[in-house]
Protein backbone atom coordinates (compact mmCIF):
# COMPACT_ATOMS: atom_id res chain seq x y z
CA ALA A 1 -14.02 -1.17 -31.34
CA ASP A 2 -11.72 -3.81 -29.90
CA ILE A 3 -9.59 -6.21 -31.90
CA VAL A 4 -9.45 -9.79 -30.68
CA PRO A 5 -7.76 -12.87 -32.14
CA HIS A 6 -9.87 -14.85 -34.57
CA PRO A 7 -11.21 -18.05 -32.93
CA SER A 8 -9.86 -20.23 -35.75
CA SER A 9 -6.30 -19.10 -35.09
CA LEU A 10 -6.62 -19.94 -31.39
CA ALA A 11 -8.11 -23.35 -32.13
CA THR A 12 -5.28 -24.22 -34.50
CA ALA A 13 -2.64 -23.29 -31.95
CA SER A 14 -4.28 -25.21 -29.13
CA GLU A 15 -5.06 -28.33 -31.17
CA GLU A 16 -1.69 -28.70 -32.85
CA GLY A 17 0.29 -27.67 -29.80
CA GLN A 18 3.75 -26.21 -30.33
CA LEU A 19 4.20 -25.81 -34.08
CA ASP A 20 7.53 -26.88 -35.57
CA ASN A 21 8.99 -23.50 -36.51
CA LEU A 22 12.39 -24.01 -38.11
CA PHE A 23 13.43 -20.39 -37.64
CA CYS A 24 12.75 -20.57 -33.88
CA ASN A 25 14.42 -23.98 -33.77
CA TYR A 26 17.65 -22.71 -35.32
CA MET A 27 17.52 -19.49 -33.30
CA SER A 28 17.44 -21.47 -30.07
CA ARG A 29 20.57 -23.39 -31.11
CA ILE A 30 22.86 -20.40 -31.66
CA HIS A 31 25.68 -20.61 -29.12
CA ASN A 32 28.75 -18.94 -30.61
CA GLU A 33 29.79 -15.76 -28.75
CA GLN A 34 30.73 -14.07 -32.03
CA ASP A 35 27.27 -14.73 -33.42
CA PHE A 36 25.68 -13.30 -30.27
CA ALA A 37 27.88 -10.19 -30.52
CA PHE A 38 26.97 -9.74 -34.20
CA ILE A 39 23.21 -9.99 -33.48
CA LEU A 40 23.41 -7.66 -30.49
CA ARG A 41 25.42 -5.04 -32.39
CA GLY A 42 22.86 -5.07 -35.19
CA LEU A 43 19.92 -4.74 -32.79
CA THR A 44 21.48 -1.86 -30.86
CA ARG A 45 22.54 -0.02 -34.04
CA LEU A 46 19.07 -0.17 -35.55
CA LEU A 47 17.27 0.65 -32.27
CA ASN A 48 19.49 3.71 -31.79
CA ASN A 49 19.01 4.90 -35.37
CA PRO A 50 15.87 7.02 -34.68
CA LEU A 51 17.73 8.66 -31.78
CA THR A 52 20.62 9.83 -33.94
CA GLN A 53 21.07 13.61 -34.01
CA THR A 54 23.07 15.39 -36.73
CA TYR A 55 23.80 19.01 -37.56
CA LEU A 56 22.61 18.62 -41.17
CA PRO A 57 18.85 18.14 -41.63
CA ASN A 58 17.88 14.83 -43.28
CA SER A 59 21.52 13.72 -43.39
CA CYS A 60 20.67 10.50 -41.56
CA LYS A 61 17.87 8.24 -42.76
CA LYS A 62 15.58 7.17 -39.91
CA VAL A 63 14.56 3.52 -39.88
CA ALA A 64 11.33 3.06 -37.91
CA VAL A 65 11.41 -0.67 -37.20
CA HIS A 66 11.64 -0.47 -33.41
CA GLN A 67 8.56 -2.61 -32.77
CA GLU A 68 9.83 -5.41 -34.98
CA LEU A 69 13.28 -5.23 -33.36
CA LEU A 70 11.82 -5.40 -29.85
CA ILE A 71 9.69 -8.40 -30.86
CA LEU A 72 12.79 -10.11 -32.27
CA PHE A 73 14.83 -9.34 -29.15
CA TRP A 74 12.02 -10.59 -26.88
CA LYS A 75 11.70 -13.80 -28.88
CA MET A 76 15.45 -14.41 -28.87
CA CYS A 77 15.65 -13.97 -25.09
CA ASP A 78 12.70 -16.33 -24.73
CA LEU A 79 14.10 -19.05 -26.99
CA ASN A 80 17.83 -18.74 -26.29
CA LYS A 81 18.81 -18.13 -22.66
CA LYS A 82 22.50 -18.10 -23.62
CA PHE A 83 21.80 -15.04 -25.76
CA MET A 84 20.10 -13.28 -22.84
CA TYR A 85 23.07 -13.97 -20.56
CA HIS A 86 25.42 -12.68 -23.27
CA VAL A 87 23.37 -9.46 -23.43
CA LEU A 88 23.50 -9.06 -19.65
CA LYS A 89 27.24 -9.52 -19.35
CA SER A 90 27.89 -7.15 -22.27
CA SER A 91 28.16 -3.40 -21.82
CA ASP A 92 25.97 -3.11 -24.94
CA VAL A 93 22.93 -3.83 -22.77
CA LEU A 94 22.85 -0.11 -21.98
CA ASP A 95 22.67 0.63 -25.72
CA LEU A 96 19.44 -1.37 -25.65
CA LEU A 97 18.19 0.31 -22.49
CA VAL A 98 18.37 3.89 -23.79
CA PRO A 99 16.15 3.41 -26.90
CA ILE A 100 13.68 1.35 -24.84
CA LEU A 101 13.41 4.19 -22.32
CA PHE A 102 13.12 6.66 -25.21
CA HIS A 103 10.11 4.80 -26.64
CA LEU A 104 8.53 4.49 -23.19
CA ASN A 105 8.81 8.24 -22.75
CA GLU A 106 7.62 9.06 -26.27
CA SER A 107 4.64 6.69 -26.21
CA ARG A 108 3.35 7.31 -22.70
CA SER A 109 0.45 9.59 -23.70
CA ASP A 110 -0.62 7.75 -26.86
CA ALA A 111 -3.45 5.23 -26.44
CA SER A 112 -2.55 3.57 -29.74
CA ARG A 113 0.91 2.62 -28.42
CA VAL A 114 -0.10 0.80 -25.25
CA GLY A 115 1.20 -2.48 -26.71
CA LEU A 116 4.62 -0.93 -27.38
CA MET A 117 4.69 0.30 -23.77
CA HIS A 118 3.91 -3.21 -22.52
CA ILE A 119 6.63 -4.97 -24.49
CA CYS A 120 9.20 -2.34 -23.42
CA VAL A 121 8.26 -2.82 -19.75
CA PHE A 122 8.27 -6.62 -20.05
CA ILE A 123 11.77 -6.58 -21.60
CA LEU A 124 13.07 -4.41 -18.76
CA LEU A 125 11.32 -6.66 -16.23
CA LEU A 126 13.01 -9.69 -17.81
CA LEU A 127 16.46 -8.04 -17.71
CA SER A 128 16.05 -6.65 -14.18
CA GLY A 129 15.76 -10.17 -12.80
CA GLU A 130 19.53 -10.60 -13.29
CA ARG A 131 22.15 -8.98 -11.06
CA ASN A 132 24.38 -7.90 -13.97
CA PHE A 133 21.70 -5.55 -15.27
CA GLY A 134 21.49 -3.67 -11.96
CA VAL A 135 25.28 -3.41 -11.76
CA ARG A 136 25.51 -2.09 -15.34
CA LEU A 137 23.08 0.73 -14.53
CA ASN A 138 25.81 2.43 -12.47
CA LYS A 139 27.62 3.46 -15.65
CA PRO A 140 27.51 7.28 -16.08
CA TYR A 141 25.01 8.53 -18.64
CA HIS A 142 26.69 10.95 -21.05
CA VAL A 143 24.78 10.51 -24.33
CA ARG A 144 22.03 13.09 -24.48
CA VAL A 145 18.98 11.62 -26.19
CA PRO A 146 16.16 14.13 -26.83
CA MET A 147 13.69 13.40 -24.01
CA ASP A 148 11.44 15.75 -22.07
CA ILE A 149 12.82 14.78 -18.66
CA PRO A 150 14.59 16.97 -16.08
CA VAL A 151 18.24 17.76 -16.76
CA PHE A 152 20.50 15.69 -14.54
CA THR A 153 24.06 14.53 -14.10
CA GLY A 154 24.22 10.90 -13.13
CA THR A 155 23.97 7.29 -14.25
CA HIS A 156 21.72 5.15 -16.40
CA ALA A 157 19.85 4.25 -13.19
CA ASP A 158 18.88 7.92 -12.83
CA LEU A 159 17.63 7.94 -16.43
CA LEU A 160 15.53 4.84 -15.79
CA ILE A 161 13.94 6.32 -12.65
CA LEU A 162 13.21 9.67 -14.30
CA VAL A 163 11.52 8.04 -17.31
CA PHE A 164 9.47 5.74 -15.05
CA HIS A 165 8.42 8.76 -12.97
CA LYS A 166 7.35 10.55 -16.14
CA VAL A 167 5.32 7.53 -17.31
CA ILE A 168 3.57 7.22 -13.95
CA THR A 169 2.82 10.92 -13.49
CA THR A 170 1.96 12.00 -17.04
CA GLY A 171 1.21 8.74 -18.85
CA HIS A 172 -2.07 7.59 -20.32
CA GLN A 173 -4.65 6.32 -17.84
CA ARG A 174 -4.60 2.86 -19.44
CA LEU A 175 -1.01 2.47 -18.19
CA THR A 176 -2.06 2.39 -14.54
CA PRO A 177 -1.84 -1.45 -14.36
CA LEU A 178 1.83 -1.17 -15.33
CA PHE A 179 2.74 0.74 -12.16
CA ASP A 180 3.38 -2.56 -10.35
CA CYS A 181 5.77 -3.69 -13.09
CA LEU A 182 7.62 -0.38 -13.24
CA LEU A 183 8.23 -0.32 -9.50
CA THR A 184 9.18 -4.01 -9.50
CA ILE A 185 11.95 -3.23 -12.00
CA VAL A 186 13.31 -0.52 -9.69
CA VAL A 187 13.03 -2.89 -6.69
CA ASN A 188 15.03 -5.55 -8.55
CA VAL A 189 17.91 -3.19 -9.38
CA SER A 190 17.86 -1.10 -6.17
CA PRO A 191 20.36 -3.22 -4.14
CA TYR A 192 23.02 -2.45 -6.78
CA LEU A 193 22.52 1.32 -7.28
CA LYS A 194 25.66 2.95 -5.91
CA SER A 195 24.81 6.62 -6.30
CA LEU A 196 21.47 8.17 -7.24
CA SER A 197 21.37 11.82 -8.30
CA MET A 198 19.42 14.42 -6.36
CA VAL A 199 16.86 14.68 -9.18
CA ALA A 200 16.14 10.92 -9.27
CA SER A 201 16.02 10.75 -5.46
CA SER A 202 13.50 13.57 -5.40
CA LYS A 203 11.29 11.79 -7.94
CA LEU A 204 11.25 8.57 -5.90
CA LEU A 205 10.18 10.53 -2.83
CA HIS A 206 7.52 12.30 -4.86
CA LEU A 207 6.04 8.92 -5.81
CA MET A 208 6.15 7.87 -2.16
CA GLU A 209 4.39 11.06 -1.14
CA ALA A 210 1.70 10.55 -3.78
CA PHE A 211 1.04 6.83 -3.32
CA SER A 212 1.02 6.95 0.49
CA THR A 213 -1.86 9.41 0.86
CA PRO A 214 -4.75 7.69 2.69
CA TRP A 215 -7.39 8.43 0.07
CA TYR A 216 -5.23 6.86 -2.66
CA MET A 217 -4.36 3.75 -0.65
CA PHE A 218 -7.96 3.25 0.45
CA ALA A 219 -9.45 3.79 -3.03
CA ASN A 220 -8.51 0.36 -4.37
CA PRO A 221 -7.74 -3.06 -2.84
CA THR A 222 -4.26 -3.10 -4.42
CA ASN A 223 -3.07 0.52 -4.37
CA HIS A 224 -1.20 0.09 -1.08
CA HIS A 225 1.11 -2.48 -2.71
CA LEU A 226 2.87 0.39 -4.49
CA VAL A 227 3.88 1.74 -1.07
CA PHE A 228 5.35 -1.66 -0.19
CA PHE A 229 7.43 -1.61 -3.37
CA LEU A 230 8.73 1.90 -2.71
CA LEU A 231 9.63 1.07 0.89
CA GLU A 232 11.51 -1.98 -0.35
CA ILE A 233 13.48 0.24 -2.74
CA PHE A 234 14.49 2.57 0.10
CA ASN A 235 15.35 -0.35 2.40
CA ASN A 236 17.55 -2.00 -0.23
CA ILE A 237 19.52 1.18 -0.87
CA ILE A 238 19.91 2.00 2.84
CA GLN A 239 21.00 -1.52 3.76
CA TYR A 240 23.28 -2.27 0.81
CA GLN A 241 24.35 1.04 -0.77
CA PHE A 242 24.21 3.61 2.04
CA ASP A 243 27.71 5.03 1.54
CA GLY A 244 27.20 6.45 -1.95
CA ASN A 245 23.58 7.57 -1.69
CA ALA A 246 23.76 10.76 0.35
CA ASN A 247 21.30 12.42 -2.05
CA LEU A 248 18.59 9.86 -1.32
CA ILE A 249 19.28 9.97 2.45
CA TYR A 250 18.97 13.77 2.32
CA GLN A 251 15.61 13.50 0.53
CA LEU A 252 14.38 10.93 3.09
CA ILE A 253 15.25 13.34 5.89
CA ARG A 254 13.61 16.27 4.11
CA ARG A 255 10.35 14.35 3.61
CA ARG A 256 10.41 12.42 6.88
CA ASN A 257 6.84 13.48 7.63
CA VAL A 258 5.64 11.11 4.88
CA PHE A 259 7.04 8.11 6.76
CA HIS A 260 5.88 9.29 10.17
CA ALA A 261 2.36 9.76 8.75
CA LEU A 262 2.50 6.25 7.29
CA ALA A 263 3.61 4.77 10.61
CA ASN A 264 0.72 6.53 12.34
CA LEU A 265 -1.85 5.76 9.65
CA PRO A 266 -5.27 5.91 11.32
CA ILE A 267 -7.37 2.76 11.14
CA ASP A 268 -10.54 3.85 12.92
CA PRO A 269 -13.73 3.66 10.80
CA SER A 270 -14.14 7.43 10.56
CA ALA A 271 -10.66 7.82 9.05
CA VAL A 272 -10.96 4.86 6.69
CA LYS A 273 -14.37 5.66 5.21
CA PRO A 274 -14.19 6.96 1.61
CA LYS A 275 -13.57 10.64 1.10
CA LYS A 276 -13.86 12.75 -1.99
CA LYS A 277 -10.72 13.31 -4.02
CA PRO A 278 -8.79 16.43 -3.04
CA ALA A 279 -9.72 19.28 -5.33
CA THR A 280 -7.07 20.13 -7.89
CA SER A 281 -5.75 23.66 -7.84
CA THR A 282 -6.82 25.69 -10.86
CA GLY A 283 -3.53 27.52 -10.93
CA GLY A 284 -0.39 26.49 -12.75
CA ALA A 285 0.93 24.39 -9.87
CA SER A 286 -0.80 21.64 -7.97
CA SER A 287 -1.57 22.00 -4.31
CA SER A 288 0.05 19.53 -1.92
CA SER A 289 -3.10 17.45 -1.84
CA SER A 290 -3.70 17.42 -5.58
CA LYS A 291 -0.12 16.23 -6.02
CA ALA A 292 -1.20 12.92 -4.67
CA GLN A 293 -3.88 12.13 -7.20
CA THR A 294 -2.84 9.55 -9.84
CA PRO A 295 0.20 11.05 -8.99
CA GLN A 296 0.71 14.12 -11.09
CA GLU A 297 3.97 15.75 -12.00
CA GLU A 298 5.43 17.95 -9.28
CA SER A 299 5.26 20.82 -11.74
CA GLY A 300 1.50 20.46 -11.87
CA ASP A 301 1.06 18.66 -15.21
CA ARG A 302 -2.39 17.24 -15.48
CA HIS A 303 -3.19 13.66 -16.46
CA PRO A 304 -3.75 13.45 -20.21
CA SER A 305 -7.19 13.10 -21.65
CA VAL A 306 -8.46 9.70 -22.65
CA ALA A 307 -10.15 11.05 -25.74
CA ALA A 308 -7.43 9.52 -27.89
CA GLU A 309 -8.77 6.07 -27.06
CA ASP A 310 -11.65 6.66 -29.44
CA SER A 311 -9.39 7.51 -32.34
CA ALA A 312 -9.02 5.22 -35.32
CA ALA A 313 -5.42 4.54 -34.37
CA ALA A 314 -6.45 3.30 -30.96
CA SER A 315 -9.08 1.06 -32.47
CA ALA A 316 -6.68 -0.44 -34.95
CA SER A 317 -3.89 -1.14 -32.49
CA LEU A 318 -3.51 -4.53 -30.89
CA PRO A 319 -2.31 -3.61 -27.45
CA SER A 320 -5.73 -2.89 -25.96
CA SER A 321 -7.01 -6.38 -26.69
CA PRO A 322 -4.11 -8.65 -25.72
CA VAL A 323 -3.79 -6.80 -22.48
CA GLY A 324 -7.33 -7.81 -21.79
CA GLN A 325 -6.80 -11.48 -22.38
CA ALA A 326 -3.45 -11.94 -20.76
CA ALA A 327 -2.24 -11.95 -17.21
CA PRO A 328 1.41 -11.55 -18.09
CA ALA A 329 4.40 -11.63 -15.83
CA ARG A 330 3.94 -14.10 -13.04
CA LEU A 331 6.82 -13.26 -10.75
CA GLU A 332 8.58 -15.48 -8.27
CA GLY A 333 9.31 -14.64 -4.65
CA THR A 334 6.91 -11.81 -4.09
CA ALA A 335 6.68 -12.20 -0.33
CA ALA A 336 2.97 -11.81 0.30
CA LEU A 337 2.66 -9.00 -2.24
CA PRO A 338 0.69 -9.38 -5.44
CA THR A 339 2.94 -9.71 -8.41
CA PRO A 340 2.89 -7.56 -11.50
CA SER A 341 1.54 -10.73 -13.06
CA THR A 342 -1.95 -9.61 -12.26
CA ALA A 343 -1.38 -6.03 -13.32
CA VAL A 344 -2.02 -6.33 -17.02
CA GLY A 345 -4.89 -8.73 -16.56
CA ARG A 346 -6.56 -6.31 -14.16
CA ALA A 347 -6.45 -3.54 -16.76
CA ALA A 348 -8.35 -5.42 -19.34
CA GLU A 349 -10.86 -6.83 -16.93
CA ASN A 350 -11.83 -3.27 -16.14
CA GLU A 351 -12.18 -2.50 -19.84
CA GLU A 352 -13.98 -5.59 -21.11
CA LEU A 353 -16.04 -6.90 -18.20
CA PRO A 354 -18.83 -5.18 -16.26
CA ARG A 355 -17.42 -3.02 -13.51
CA PRO A 356 -17.25 -4.88 -10.19
CA LYS A 357 -18.93 -3.65 -7.07
CA GLU A 358 -17.27 -0.48 -5.81
CA PHE A 359 -14.55 -1.19 -3.26
CA THR A 360 -14.96 0.16 0.27
CA ALA A 361 -12.02 0.10 2.67
CA THR A 362 -12.58 -1.15 6.23
CA SER A 363 -10.60 -0.83 9.43
CA ASP A 364 -9.85 -4.57 9.51
CA TRP A 365 -8.56 -4.48 5.94
CA VAL A 366 -6.23 -1.53 6.65
CA GLU A 367 -4.98 -3.13 9.86
CA SER A 368 -4.23 -6.40 8.02
CA TRP A 369 -1.55 -4.78 5.85
CA LYS A 370 -0.51 -1.75 7.92
CA GLU A 371 1.32 -3.94 10.43
CA LYS A 372 3.32 -5.51 7.57
CA LEU A 373 4.68 -2.20 6.21
CA PRO A 374 8.51 -2.51 6.19
CA LEU A 375 9.11 0.84 7.86
CA GLN A 376 11.65 -0.21 10.48
CA THR A 377 14.80 0.56 8.46
CA VAL A 378 13.70 4.02 7.30
CA LEU A 379 12.36 5.03 10.73
CA ARG A 380 15.57 3.87 12.41
CA LEU A 381 17.63 5.90 9.94
CA LEU A 382 15.51 8.98 10.63
CA GLN A 383 15.73 8.40 14.38
CA VAL A 384 19.53 8.42 14.21
CA LEU A 385 20.27 11.04 11.55
CA VAL A 386 17.57 13.69 11.98
CA PRO A 387 18.84 14.88 15.44
CA GLN A 388 22.41 14.93 14.11
CA VAL A 389 21.48 16.98 11.05
CA GLU A 390 19.37 19.39 13.10
CA LYS A 391 22.22 19.84 15.59
CA ILE A 392 24.82 20.57 12.91
CA CYS A 393 22.46 23.02 11.21
CA ILE A 394 21.89 24.92 14.48
CA ASP A 395 25.52 24.82 15.64
CA LYS A 396 27.00 25.96 12.33
CA GLY A 397 24.00 27.97 11.10
CA LEU A 398 23.84 25.92 7.91
CA THR A 399 21.35 26.83 5.22
CA ASP A 400 23.17 25.25 2.26
CA GLU A 401 22.31 21.66 1.42
CA SER A 402 25.86 20.98 0.14
CA GLU A 403 27.23 21.12 3.69
CA ILE A 404 24.54 18.72 4.91
CA LEU A 405 25.29 16.36 2.01
CA ARG A 406 28.99 16.45 2.90
CA PHE A 407 28.11 15.50 6.48
CA LEU A 408 25.89 12.64 5.29
CA GLN A 409 28.59 11.35 2.93
CA HIS A 410 30.95 10.85 5.85
CA GLY A 411 28.31 9.41 8.17
CA THR A 412 27.77 5.75 8.96
CA LEU A 413 24.96 3.61 10.32
CA VAL A 414 27.02 0.49 10.96
CA GLY A 415 25.52 -1.43 13.86
CA LEU A 416 22.56 0.93 14.14
CA LEU A 417 20.21 -0.48 11.49
CA PRO A 418 18.19 -3.70 11.68
CA VAL A 419 19.85 -6.85 10.36
CA PRO A 420 19.98 -6.59 6.54
CA HIS A 421 17.20 -8.50 4.88
CA PRO A 422 18.01 -10.93 2.05
CA ILE A 423 17.86 -9.45 -1.44
CA LEU A 424 14.58 -10.50 -3.06
CA ILE A 425 14.51 -10.53 -6.85
CA ARG A 426 11.17 -10.95 -8.63
CA LYS A 427 11.80 -12.71 -11.93
CA TYR A 428 9.60 -12.58 -14.97
CA GLN A 429 8.07 -15.94 -15.78
CA ALA A 430 6.10 -16.52 -18.94
CA ASN A 431 2.72 -18.29 -18.95
CA SER A 432 -0.10 -18.99 -21.40
CA GLY A 433 -1.38 -15.44 -20.91
CA THR A 434 1.90 -13.83 -21.93
CA ASN A 435 2.19 -16.13 -24.93
CA MET A 436 -1.31 -15.20 -26.08
CA TRP A 437 -0.65 -11.49 -25.59
CA PHE A 438 2.67 -11.63 -27.42
CA ARG A 439 1.24 -13.55 -30.40
CA THR A 440 -1.66 -11.13 -30.76
CA TYR A 441 0.63 -8.09 -30.48
CA MET A 442 3.10 -9.52 -33.01
CA TRP A 443 0.41 -10.24 -35.61
CA GLY A 444 -1.09 -6.83 -35.02
CA VAL A 445 2.25 -5.21 -35.90
CA LEU A 446 2.48 -7.44 -38.99
CA TYR A 447 -1.02 -6.49 -40.10
CA LEU A 448 -0.54 -2.75 -39.65
CA ARG A 449 2.78 -2.90 -41.52
CA ASN A 450 1.08 -4.52 -44.52
CA VAL A 451 -2.08 -2.47 -44.96
CA GLU A 452 -0.55 -0.77 -48.02
CA PRO A 453 -0.49 -2.74 -50.27
CA PRO A 454 -3.36 -4.76 -48.74
CA ILE A 455 -1.79 -8.21 -48.89
CA TRP A 456 -4.45 -9.66 -46.55
CA TYR A 457 -7.38 -8.54 -48.71
CA ASP A 458 -9.42 -11.29 -50.39
CA SER A 459 -7.33 -14.04 -48.83
CA GLU A 460 -8.09 -16.96 -46.55
CA VAL A 461 -5.94 -15.50 -43.77
CA LYS A 462 -8.05 -14.63 -40.73
CA LEU A 463 -5.96 -12.84 -38.14
CA PHE A 464 -8.63 -11.30 -35.97
CA GLU A 465 -12.13 -9.95 -35.94
CA VAL A 466 -13.35 -6.52 -34.86
CA GLN A 467 -15.93 -6.42 -32.09
CA ARG A 468 -18.18 -3.37 -31.85
CA VAL A 469 -18.67 -2.37 -28.23
């Protein structure tokens, strides 16, 4: 069963236009810095409440109002741009980031929380469009929130990448349309990331390895765009933050075959024609080919079952429906790449409309985008550094990566790389689709919060109707 907005509610909104909401009106007029600080402190305190850990059981009361708080924060950023700029220039923005990443990680396998995942991603997409957010991510991450991600020592940028990797590799299958948005967020902040940890660097290269396999790129008309996003991330870091990112450079050198294979991607008809998916190893770890399926965790975790979609919770949750009717996030300046704007709309089209004719890749289609792959910067880096690293390893008999990292830290590519490209930021821009999705999601949260006692029962309020599929 899918839940869709009731036609009468849509008609009222469209006929009357923008309703005069006094609360929204006054909210948009707030301008005092002290008021902004007070609101932000309250939001961060309540959002971090469920993450609080104490030695005494039940000594801290957990307040589960995270969905309502995220809706309020989203609405405030939408109505009051001065508030959003206050958030971005404040160090408290990281106190918002951590609980958002926590909920992304916690909800990734639950079909009933797809709407929560979407609003978390859209908030991060909105914030990532501003330079201050990317700069703030360089702050070291010391607070240890309980999350099932690899142990690391690094910054908030590392935490963001590790959570995104976890969502992509072990998240619910209905989150696939969000891959564009997740990678766009990393692209937006990548020119400002001064030092990625070895763990986060490894995860980025794992995604590159998985998304760049021919069968994955040829399986769908848009899959190859993920490779473009990842290459843009690497290019931004190499061009603008080379000095502090020896860990990422080391990982690029280690997995250089991925980029050489991409540069030599075959386009003849026999290579492009559809092939069966690589068989997944039955053992505990995935084989190198099975790693590249929708990409799985490097440890071999399998993609979760979709059986949860049929549960009552999934049926009662809003997220599945608004995703279908919206095409949120039209982004500016995407440079010939599709924007994450189409991502959410694509998901629902697949769920609610008859399946389109199966896509078949052709040589002309592959050739049309292969020549546009921004590989020059990475290949030039490999051309310069790989012989140097191999020489130092042979001359000194190095087998320890710490010595190689020390060599890379003192290296330079000044004058050897292509001319730095301009930094391209893709900004979130609302449209009628996002507004529809947000309204439906908000009223869904309101409804589910007020089932007991049933305040909607035997009333004239018609929020939505349930369609049996």
